[in-house]
C-alpha atoms as a PDB file:
ATOM      1  CA  MET A   1       7.230   8.159   9.091  1.00  0.00           C
ATOM      2  CA  ASN A   2       3.773   9.374   8.187  1.00  0.00           C
ATOM      3  CA  TYR A   3       2.499   9.452   4.629  1.00  0.00           C
ATOM      4  CA  ASN A   4      -0.726  10.492   2.923  1.00  0.00           C
ATOM      5  CA  ILE A   5      -1.139   8.261  -0.117  1.00  0.00           C
ATOM      6  CA  ASN A   6      -3.572   9.228  -2.881  1.00  0.00           C
ATOM      7  CA  ILE A   7      -5.126   6.180  -4.520  1.00  0.00           C
ATOM      8  CA  THR A   8      -6.140   7.425  -7.975  1.00  0.00           C
ATOM      9  CA  ASN A   9      -8.430   6.132 -10.708  1.00  0.00           C
ATOM     10  CA  ARG A  10      -5.314   5.084 -12.618  1.00  0.00           C
ATOM     11  CA  ASN A  11      -4.058   3.039  -9.623  1.00  0.00           C
ATOM     12  CA  ILE A  12      -7.461   1.369  -9.443  1.00  0.00           C
ATOM     13  CA  THR A  13      -7.716   0.512 -13.147  1.00  0.00           C
ATOM     14  CA  GLU A  14      -4.102  -0.696 -13.401  1.00  0.00           C
ATOM     15  CA  GLY A  15      -4.028  -2.502 -10.034  1.00  0.00           C
ATOM     16  CA  GLU A  16      -4.314  -6.276  -9.818  1.00  0.00           C
ATOM     17  CA  LYS A  17      -6.833  -7.947  -7.518  1.00  0.00           C
ATOM     18  CA  ALA A  18      -5.369 -10.071  -4.705  1.00  0.00           C
ATOM     19  CA  ASN A  19      -1.795  -9.060  -5.617  1.00  0.00           C
ATOM     20  CA  PRO A  20      -0.101  -7.521  -2.542  1.00  0.00           C
ATOM     21  CA  GLN A  21       2.781  -6.131  -4.619  1.00  0.00           C
ATOM     22  CA  ASN A  22       0.715  -4.701  -7.499  1.00  0.00           C
ATOM     23  CA  CYS A  23      -2.736  -3.846  -6.132  1.00  0.00           C
ATOM     24  CA  ALA A  24      -4.105  -0.300  -6.400  1.00  0.00           C
ATOM     25  CA  ILE A  25      -2.663   0.737  -3.025  1.00  0.00           C
ATOM     26  CA  ALA A  26       0.762  -0.811  -3.743  1.00  0.00           C
ATOM     27  CA  ARG A  27       0.881   0.962  -7.117  1.00  0.00           C
ATOM     28  CA  ALA A  28      -0.001   4.282  -5.467  1.00  0.00           C
ATOM     29  CA  ILE A  29       2.732   3.855  -2.844  1.00  0.00           C
ATOM     30  CA  LYS A  30       5.366   2.958  -5.461  1.00  0.00           C
ATOM     31  CA  SER A  31       4.452   5.916  -7.660  1.00  0.00           C
ATOM     32  CA  GLN A  32       4.424   8.442  -4.805  1.00  0.00           C
ATOM     33  CA  LEU A  33       7.336   7.205  -2.682  1.00  0.00           C
ATOM     34  CA  LYS A  34      10.213   6.887  -5.140  1.00  0.00           C
ATOM     35  CA  LYS A  35      12.691   5.413  -2.641  1.00  0.00           C
ATOM     36  CA  VAL A  36      10.517   2.320  -1.999  1.00  0.00           C
ATOM     37  CA  LYS A  37      12.214  -0.832  -3.226  1.00  0.00           C
ATOM     38  CA  ASP A  38       9.514  -3.377  -2.311  1.00  0.00           C
ATOM     39  CA  VAL A  39       5.967  -3.021  -1.011  1.00  0.00           C
ATOM     40  CA  SER A  40       3.378  -5.494   0.222  1.00  0.00           C
ATOM     41  CA  VAL A  41      -0.232  -4.566   1.007  1.00  0.00           C
ATOM     42  CA  VAL A  42      -2.549  -6.886   2.937  1.00  0.00           C
ATOM     43  CA  GLY A  43      -5.759  -6.262   4.826  1.00  0.00           C
ATOM     44  CA  SER A  44      -4.087  -5.753   8.195  1.00  0.00           C
ATOM     45  CA  HIS A  45      -0.918  -3.848   7.263  1.00  0.00           C
ATOM     46  CA  VAL A  46       1.438  -2.394   4.675  1.00  0.00           C
ATOM     47  CA  SER A  47       5.125  -3.231   4.650  1.00  0.00           C
ATOM     48  CA  LEU A  48       7.759  -1.578   2.529  1.00  0.00           C
ATOM     49  CA  GLN A  49      11.491  -1.612   2.028  1.00  0.00           C
ATOM     50  CA  ILE A  50      13.563   1.536   1.745  1.00  0.00           C
ATOM     51  CA  ASP A  51      17.277   0.897   1.309  1.00  0.00           C
ATOM     52  CA  ASN A  52      17.916  -2.116   3.564  1.00  0.00           C
ATOM     53  CA  LYS A  53      15.268  -1.252   6.149  1.00  0.00           C
ATOM     54  CA  MET A  54      11.731  -2.584   6.448  1.00  0.00           C
ATOM     55  CA  PHE A  55       8.869  -0.411   7.653  1.00  0.00           C
ATOM     56  CA  VAL A  56       5.381  -1.521   8.681  1.00  0.00           C
ATOM     57  CA  ALA A  57       2.105   0.399   9.056  1.00  0.00           C
ATOM     58  CA  ASN A  58      -1.218  -0.848  10.345  1.00  0.00           C
ATOM     59  CA  MET A  59      -3.921  -0.633   7.693  1.00  0.00           C
ATOM     60  CA  PRO A  60      -6.652   1.874   8.617  1.00  0.00           C
ATOM     61  CA  LYS A  61     -10.286   0.685   8.393  1.00  0.00           C
ATOM     62  CA  VAL A  62     -10.859   2.665   5.189  1.00  0.00           C
ATOM     63  CA  GLY A  63      -7.991   0.749   3.573  1.00  0.00           C
ATOM     64  CA  GLU A  64      -9.274  -2.619   4.802  1.00  0.00           C
ATOM     65  CA  SER A  65     -12.686  -1.881   3.330  1.00  0.00           C
ATOM     66  CA  PHE A  66     -11.152  -0.753   0.028  1.00  0.00           C
ATOM     67  CA  ILE A  67      -9.046  -3.926  -0.259  1.00  0.00           C
ATOM     68  CA  LYS A  68     -12.052  -6.202   0.373  1.00  0.00           C
ATOM     69  CA  ARG A  69     -14.156  -4.407  -2.245  1.00  0.00           C
ATOM     70  CA  PHE A  70     -11.293  -4.152  -4.767  1.00  0.00           C
ATOM     71  CA  ASP A  71     -10.345  -7.840  -4.466  1.00  0.00           C
ATOM     72  CA  ARG A  72     -14.006  -8.856  -4.947  1.00  0.00           C
ATOM     73  CA  GLY A  73     -14.262  -6.784  -8.116  1.00  0.00           C
ATOM     74  CA  MET A  74     -16.724  -4.348  -6.561  1.00  0.00           C
ATOM     75  CA  ALA A  75     -16.850  -0.642  -7.384  1.00  0.00           C
ATOM     76  CA  VAL A  76     -14.298   1.474  -5.520  1.00  0.00           C
ATOM     77  CA  ASN A  77     -13.481   5.165  -5.624  1.00  0.00           C
ATOM     78  CA  PRO A  78     -10.208   7.088  -5.343  1.00  0.00           C
ATOM     79  CA  PHE A  79      -9.353   8.073  -1.772  1.00  0.00           C
ATOM     80  CA  LYS A  80      -6.579   9.235   0.555  1.00  0.00           C
ATOM     81  CA  LEU A  81      -4.908   6.754   2.854  1.00  0.00           C
ATOM     82  CA  LYS A  82      -2.990   7.919   5.928  1.00  0.00           C
ATOM     83  CA  LEU A  83      -0.230   5.490   6.878  1.00  0.00           C
ATOM     84  CA  LYS A  84       2.005   5.692   9.951  1.00  0.00           C
ATOM     85  CA  PHE A  85       5.071   3.541   9.413  1.00  0.00           C
ATOM     86  CA  ARG A  86       7.295   2.275  12.176  1.00  0.00           C
ATOM     87  CA  LYS A  87      10.706   0.734  11.597  1.00  0.00           C
ATOM     88  CA  GLY A  88      10.540  -3.015  11.359  1.00  0.00           C
ATOM     89  CA  PHE A  89      13.939  -4.615  10.977  1.00  0.00           C
ATOM     90  CA  GLN A  90      17.256  -4.293   9.184  1.00  0.00           C
ATOM     91  CA  LEU A  91      17.827  -6.576   6.226  1.00  0.00           C
ATOM     92  CA  THR A  92      21.213  -8.211   5.802  1.00  0.00           C
ATOM     93  CA  SER A  93      22.875  -8.732   2.442  1.00  0.00           C
END
């Protein structure tokens, strides 16, 4: 699954520093991919849950740089993030 995620000014202003589930990128993913149940964004990757399946994408360099600057309270700009998700594992209930 490939997605182009637009991180907007609103995502940036409403996002929380050092919060993998509610940072600017996580907020953008949740607002643009309605089927996402859970999302976690860290410097190296993004993981998300759709239905009972987990998907993982490596974080591109532009995303790593954004996260470092955002978490340090430095100025950041809106940008597009290209994520290529691969199926991780099936969750059991």
